[in-house]
Structure formats: C-alpha cells, structure tokens
C-alpha cells in the first residue's frame, strides 16, 4: 500500500478534513493527521481483528486510568479491504520521549489485571511469513529461507522459557517512539500489539535497542532504574531478543519491493544475523 492508495481509502472514510490530511507515517498502517483526529489505514484485511482489539484496548486503558491515546470511534471500519481506525489527536509534544518515560508507563500496564476481553499471546514471530510474502522476489530467496528457519528455532526455544515476572498484559512494542509527551505527562500510543504474555517481552525491546540501535547506556540505565529491574539478568533474555531480531529483520523486508533503502537495511540486518556479528548497528526504518 502506497500513500496514494491510503488516501483513496481515507477519502472513503469521509473523515472531516480528510482531503487535507497530513501523512505522519507509512508502514503496516498509513497514519494521517486530519483536523482533530488521527486516522490509521491498515495495509490489508488481515489487520482488521488487530484494529478491533486496539480500539478495545484503548477503552479499557481509559477505564483503568492509564494515560493512553483514545479512540474516537469504538469500532474500526473495513473499506475495500483496509481496516480504518480514528483516534483523538494528542496535543503537540512538549519534548521527545525518553526511555525513562516509557518505563513509568510500563510499570502501570504491568500492574494491570487481565481486561474483560481476550488478548492474544505476544507472538513476535507471527508476522514473519506475511512480511516475507509481501517482500516477494525483491529479497534473496535464501535470505527468506534463513529467516524462516531462524523463526522456527526461536519459536521452539521461546515456548520453553520460564518467566521471572508474573505474566499479564503487555504493550508489545515498547519503544520511546510509542510514547507521546503531552503538557500533562507521558501518554502511551500505538496499542495494536497489546497482548497477554511474559512481561519480559516489553523489556527486551529496550535491551535490543541498546545492543543494535545505539541507545546510550545512560538512557538504558535510566529505563531500568525507573522500571526497577534489568531484563538482561534473566536467563531467557537472549531467546526473546533473538526472536525480536528475527521479526524486526523480516518487518523491513515488506518494504523492499518499493524502497531501495529498505532493501539495503534488510540486507545489512540479515548479513549480521548470518555471521552472528552483534556489533553491527541497525538503523530504524
């Protein structure tokens, strides 16, 4: 899905101000700012149930008092095969979010009991096949086969892990970019990967950011200080980290057919996994 197609779907949604909407992001979702709302247009119908769950999570977090983005419509639309959700636009950020801000929000989420609706397990690897399929012939078939084999190995290893923390609701993509700093404080955004699983899933994300994406050590230390625990002391950390690396690599692949920079980043990531070189820096995409 390119921007032009996403705008066609946005027009079908008849959102006020949609004709002049500003594109904020283009990935699995095209995200537009239109007047007082933000509209997310999903890539394909497979994402519809995830969109439905995201709006339900938003309502649940509101009732629990967790600062999080709020859905403007309680149910997503499905327009010509694309799920569409509408969200209240947050005020302009007063500063960039930091890992310590994320840690405070995760403490709130990780203290919650299960919601009154089912959450799936946090299957980091469930999207690998779809992302590789979308990549098609743009990537080397041997690289795709390697990632599938790696996916299967880490899926088996993860299923045998014993958590250190009590399992329960997790954000699923716990990065500072998914925190928005409003005048009244940090707010959690991008709720589509909420799950019920090991709380360690949320903490491994920052450990990988430190190792692969050059997150400075003081920022990571501030994160662990606010949260109260460093997941790197857990024996299962390397397994969940490896699973997330595999998923992150495959996620970039879906953009390779239309974006040479994505193909270059995918190639860099696969090569570093093949050689086991953990010193190779990955770049956000």
Protein backbone atom coordinates (compact mmCIF):
# COMPACT_ATOMS: atom_id res chain seq x y z
CA UNK A 1 0.00 0.00 0.00
CA UNK A 2 1.46 3.34 -1.05
CA UNK A 3 0.39 6.81 0.04
CA UNK A 4 -1.90 7.29 -2.96
CA UNK A 5 -3.87 4.14 -2.15
CA UNK A 6 -4.06 5.06 1.52
CA UNK A 7 -5.50 8.45 0.61
CA UNK A 8 -8.13 6.79 -1.56
CA UNK A 9 -9.25 4.73 1.45
CA UNK A 10 -9.11 7.80 3.69
CA UNK A 11 -11.50 9.56 1.32
CA UNK A 12 -13.94 6.64 1.61
CA UNK A 13 -13.91 7.05 5.40
CA UNK A 14 -15.34 10.57 4.97
CA UNK A 15 -13.38 11.96 7.89
CA UNK A 16 -13.77 15.75 8.24
CA UNK A 17 -10.59 17.38 6.96
CA UNK A 18 -9.50 14.17 5.24
CA UNK A 19 -8.87 15.88 1.91
CA UNK A 20 -6.12 17.98 3.52
CA UNK A 21 -4.79 15.26 5.81
CA UNK A 22 -1.06 15.17 6.53
CA UNK A 23 0.76 11.84 6.28
CA UNK A 24 2.60 11.09 9.53
CA UNK A 25 3.86 7.57 8.87
CA UNK A 26 3.68 4.82 6.26
CA UNK A 27 4.28 1.23 7.30
CA UNK A 28 1.78 -1.53 8.02
CA UNK A 29 -0.53 1.41 8.59
CA UNK A 30 -0.68 4.75 6.85
CA UNK A 31 -1.19 7.30 9.61
CA UNK A 32 -2.79 10.65 8.78
CA UNK A 33 -3.49 13.75 10.82
CA UNK A 34 -6.84 15.26 9.83
CA UNK A 35 -8.13 18.14 11.91
CA UNK A 36 -8.79 16.99 15.46
CA UNK A 37 -8.26 13.29 14.72
CA UNK A 38 -5.61 10.86 13.57
CA UNK A 39 -6.65 8.16 11.10
CA UNK A 40 -4.87 4.83 10.65
CA UNK A 41 -5.38 2.96 7.38
CA UNK A 42 -4.22 -0.67 7.54
CA UNK A 43 -2.34 -2.37 4.73
CA UNK A 44 -4.66 -5.37 4.29
CA UNK A 45 -7.74 -7.11 5.76
CA UNK A 46 -5.58 -9.43 7.85
CA UNK A 47 -5.07 -6.47 10.20
CA UNK A 48 -8.78 -5.92 10.88
CA UNK A 49 -9.01 -8.01 14.05
CA UNK A 50 -5.90 -6.30 15.36
CA UNK A 51 -7.52 -2.93 14.71
CA UNK A 52 -10.65 -4.04 16.56
CA UNK A 53 -8.57 -5.16 19.51
CA UNK A 54 -6.64 -1.88 19.53
CA UNK A 55 -9.80 0.18 19.94
CA UNK A 56 -10.99 -2.16 22.72
CA UNK A 57 -7.64 -1.78 24.49
CA UNK A 58 -7.96 2.00 24.29
CA UNK A 59 -11.32 1.93 26.08
CA UNK A 60 -10.04 -0.49 28.71
CA UNK A 61 -6.96 1.61 29.49
CA UNK A 62 -9.17 4.67 29.85
CA UNK A 63 -11.25 2.89 32.48
CA UNK A 64 -8.09 1.74 34.27
CA UNK A 65 -6.70 5.27 34.35
CA UNK A 66 -3.63 4.54 32.24
CA UNK A 67 -2.58 7.56 30.13
CA UNK A 68 -3.01 6.32 26.57
CA UNK A 69 -4.32 7.51 23.22
CA UNK A 70 -8.13 7.34 22.97
CA UNK A 71 -10.15 6.02 20.06
CA UNK A 72 -12.64 8.47 18.56
CA UNK A 73 -14.72 5.59 17.17
CA UNK A 74 -15.32 2.42 19.17
CA UNK A 75 -15.15 0.09 16.15
CA UNK A 76 -12.88 0.05 13.09
CA UNK A 77 -14.18 0.27 9.55
CA UNK A 78 -13.24 -2.14 6.76
CA UNK A 79 -13.09 -0.20 3.50
CA UNK A 80 -12.15 -2.04 0.31
CA UNK A 81 -10.05 -4.48 2.33
CA UNK A 82 -8.37 -1.88 4.53
CA UNK A 83 -9.10 -1.52 8.27
CA UNK A 84 -9.54 2.11 9.32
CA UNK A 85 -9.46 3.43 12.87
CA UNK A 86 -9.97 7.01 14.08
CA UNK A 87 -8.23 8.49 17.13
CA UNK A 88 -8.37 11.69 19.11
CA UNK A 89 -5.35 13.79 18.19
CA UNK A 90 -3.00 14.47 21.06
CA UNK A 91 -1.63 17.96 21.74
CA UNK A 92 1.80 18.76 20.37
CA UNK A 93 4.61 17.02 22.22
CA UNK A 94 6.48 19.24 24.64
CA UNK A 95 9.68 17.23 24.24
CA UNK A 96 10.91 13.93 22.80
CA UNK A 97 10.03 10.85 24.83
CA UNK A 98 12.85 9.14 26.69
CA UNK A 99 13.28 5.54 27.86
CA UNK A 100 12.55 6.58 31.45
CA UNK A 101 9.14 7.89 30.35
CA UNK A 102 8.38 4.54 28.77
CA UNK A 103 9.44 2.70 31.91
CA UNK A 104 6.92 4.60 34.03
CA UNK A 105 4.06 3.71 31.67
CA UNK A 106 5.13 0.08 31.52
CA UNK A 107 5.01 -0.13 35.31
CA UNK A 108 1.35 0.95 35.11
CA UNK A 109 0.50 -1.52 32.33
CA UNK A 110 2.33 -4.39 34.01
CA UNK A 111 0.36 -3.83 37.22
CA UNK A 112 -2.97 -4.35 35.44
CA UNK A 113 -5.09 -7.49 35.66
CA UNK A 114 -6.45 -9.08 32.52
CA UNK A 115 -9.00 -6.98 30.60
CA UNK A 116 -12.64 -8.11 30.18
CA UNK A 117 -11.87 -9.35 26.65
CA UNK A 118 -9.25 -11.80 25.42
CA UNK A 119 -5.77 -10.68 24.48
CA UNK A 120 -3.64 -12.93 22.29
CA UNK A 121 -0.18 -14.12 23.27
CA UNK A 122 2.65 -11.85 22.12
CA UNK A 123 3.78 -13.93 19.19
CA UNK A 124 6.70 -11.88 17.96
CA UNK A 125 7.18 -14.17 15.02
CA UNK A 126 3.62 -14.44 13.72
CA UNK A 127 4.11 -11.71 11.11
CA UNK A 128 7.32 -13.11 9.61
CA UNK A 129 5.62 -15.18 6.93
CA UNK A 130 3.36 -12.33 5.80
CA UNK A 131 6.24 -9.83 5.66
CA UNK A 132 8.38 -12.22 3.64
CA UNK A 133 5.46 -12.89 1.31
CA UNK A 134 5.00 -9.17 0.75
CA UNK A 135 8.73 -8.85 0.00
CA UNK A 136 8.39 -11.39 -2.79
CA UNK A 137 11.19 -11.52 -5.34
CA UNK A 138 12.72 -8.28 -4.04
CA UNK A 139 14.77 -10.23 -1.50
CA UNK A 140 17.10 -13.20 -1.94
CA UNK A 141 15.13 -16.46 -1.53
CA UNK A 142 17.98 -17.85 0.55
CA UNK A 143 17.62 -14.94 2.98
CA UNK A 144 13.89 -15.63 3.25
CA UNK A 145 14.55 -19.32 3.89
CA UNK A 146 17.14 -18.43 6.53
CA UNK A 147 14.70 -16.19 8.39
CA UNK A 148 12.00 -18.87 8.30
CA UNK A 149 14.41 -21.39 9.79
CA UNK A 150 15.52 -18.88 12.42
CA UNK A 151 11.88 -18.08 13.21
CA UNK A 152 11.07 -21.74 13.81
CA UNK A 153 14.09 -22.23 16.04
CA UNK A 154 13.33 -19.25 18.26
CA UNK A 155 9.62 -20.12 18.42
CA UNK A 156 10.53 -23.52 19.83
CA UNK A 157 13.04 -22.05 22.27
CA UNK A 158 10.63 -19.33 23.47
CA UNK A 159 7.91 -21.88 24.21
CA UNK A 160 10.18 -23.50 26.81
CA UNK A 161 11.02 -20.32 28.75
CA UNK A 162 10.10 -19.70 32.39
CA UNK A 163 9.34 -16.02 33.14
CA UNK A 164 10.84 -14.05 36.02
CA UNK A 165 7.87 -11.64 36.22
CA UNK A 166 4.19 -12.60 36.55
CA UNK A 167 2.67 -12.83 33.04
CA UNK A 168 -0.14 -10.48 32.03
CA UNK A 169 -0.95 -7.53 29.75
CA UNK A 170 1.96 -6.12 27.76
CA UNK A 171 2.25 -3.31 25.22
CA UNK A 172 4.15 -5.49 22.77
CA UNK A 173 6.18 -2.79 21.01
CA UNK A 174 7.59 -0.90 23.97
CA UNK A 175 9.74 1.83 22.43
CA UNK A 176 10.04 5.53 23.29
CA UNK A 177 8.59 6.34 19.86
CA UNK A 178 5.33 4.88 21.17
CA UNK A 179 5.20 7.44 23.96
CA UNK A 180 3.95 10.99 23.43
CA UNK A 181 4.86 13.66 25.96
CA UNK A 182 1.86 15.96 26.41
CA UNK A 183 1.76 19.06 28.65
CA UNK A 184 0.27 16.84 31.36
CA UNK A 185 2.75 13.98 31.02
CA UNK A 186 3.63 10.83 29.03
CA UNK A 187 0.90 9.06 27.05
CA UNK A 188 1.12 5.57 25.56
CA UNK A 189 0.31 5.30 21.85
CA UNK A 190 0.18 2.55 19.17
CA UNK A 191 -1.80 -0.03 21.11
CA UNK A 192 -2.19 -2.56 18.30
CA UNK A 193 0.34 -5.06 19.65
CA UNK A 194 -1.17 -5.32 23.14
CA UNK A 195 -1.07 -8.92 24.31
CA UNK A 196 -1.14 -11.13 27.38
CA UNK A 197 2.21 -12.82 27.85
CA UNK A 198 5.56 -12.57 29.57
CA UNK A 199 6.14 -9.00 30.80
CA UNK A 200 9.73 -9.57 29.70
CA UNK A 201 8.61 -9.05 26.09
CA UNK A 202 8.26 -5.33 26.78
CA UNK A 203 11.64 -5.08 28.47
CA UNK A 204 13.67 -6.96 25.86
CA UNK A 205 12.79 -4.25 23.33
CA UNK A 206 14.98 -1.66 25.08
CA UNK A 207 17.76 -4.19 25.63
CA UNK A 208 17.82 -4.75 21.86
CA UNK A 209 17.71 -1.00 21.28
CA UNK A 210 20.84 -0.71 23.40
CA UNK A 211 22.61 -3.54 21.59
CA UNK A 212 21.57 -2.91 17.98
CA UNK A 213 20.30 0.66 17.64
CA UNK A 214 22.93 2.50 19.69
CA UNK A 215 20.69 3.50 22.60
CA UNK A 216 23.18 5.16 25.00
CA UNK A 217 23.99 3.25 28.15
CA UNK A 218 22.85 6.09 30.47
CA UNK A 219 19.42 6.12 28.78
CA UNK A 220 19.09 2.35 29.17
CA UNK A 221 20.22 2.56 32.80
CA UNK A 222 17.57 5.23 33.45
CA UNK A 223 14.95 2.91 31.96
CA UNK A 224 15.89 0.01 34.23
CA UNK A 225 16.12 2.29 37.27
CA UNK A 226 12.57 3.60 36.79
CA UNK A 227 11.16 0.17 35.96
CA UNK A 228 13.06 -1.48 38.81
CA UNK A 229 14.64 -4.46 37.03
CA UNK A 230 17.05 -5.19 34.18
CA UNK A 231 15.78 -7.96 31.91
CA UNK A 232 19.35 -8.76 30.85
CA UNK A 233 19.79 -10.55 34.18
CA UNK A 234 17.12 -13.08 33.14
CA UNK A 235 18.27 -16.36 31.59
CA UNK A 236 15.63 -16.13 28.84
CA UNK A 237 16.65 -12.69 27.62
CA UNK A 238 18.81 -13.91 24.72
CA UNK A 239 15.96 -16.05 23.37
CA UNK A 240 13.35 -13.28 23.33
CA UNK A 241 15.97 -10.87 21.99
CA UNK A 242 16.76 -13.25 19.14
CA UNK A 243 13.10 -13.68 18.32
CA UNK A 244 12.62 -9.92 18.16
CA UNK A 245 15.71 -9.50 15.97
CA UNK A 246 14.27 -12.05 13.56
CA UNK A 247 10.91 -10.30 13.44
CA UNK A 248 12.49 -6.86 13.06
CA UNK A 249 14.55 -8.06 10.13
CA UNK A 250 11.54 -9.61 8.37
CA UNK A 251 9.43 -6.50 9.01
CA UNK A 252 11.79 -4.37 6.94
CA UNK A 253 11.57 -6.87 4.07
CA UNK A 254 7.95 -5.97 3.26
CA UNK A 255 9.10 -2.50 2.13
CA UNK A 256 11.91 -3.80 -0.09
CA UNK A 257 9.87 -4.03 -3.35
CA UNK A 258 9.32 -0.26 -3.46
CA UNK A 259 12.08 1.20 -1.31
CA UNK A 260 15.80 0.69 -2.06
CA UNK A 261 16.74 1.95 1.41
CA UNK A 262 14.59 -0.77 2.96
CA UNK A 263 16.29 -3.41 0.82
CA UNK A 264 19.70 -2.13 1.89
CA UNK A 265 18.74 -2.19 5.55
CA UNK A 266 17.24 -5.66 5.22
CA UNK A 267 20.43 -6.92 3.58
CA UNK A 268 22.53 -5.38 6.38
CA UNK A 269 20.41 -6.99 9.06
CA UNK A 270 20.34 -10.46 7.52
CA UNK A 271 24.10 -10.43 6.98
CA UNK A 272 24.72 -9.55 10.63
CA UNK A 273 22.42 -12.36 11.78
CA UNK A 274 24.08 -14.88 9.47
CA UNK A 275 27.55 -14.02 10.76
CA UNK A 276 26.46 -13.62 14.37
CA UNK A 277 28.06 -10.18 14.47
CA UNK A 278 26.17 -8.37 17.24
CA UNK A 279 28.34 -5.26 16.81
CA UNK A 280 26.66 -4.34 13.50
CA UNK A 281 24.40 -1.35 14.08
CA UNK A 282 20.86 -1.48 12.74
CA UNK A 283 19.03 1.66 11.72
CA UNK A 284 15.37 2.39 12.49
CA UNK A 285 13.11 2.21 9.48
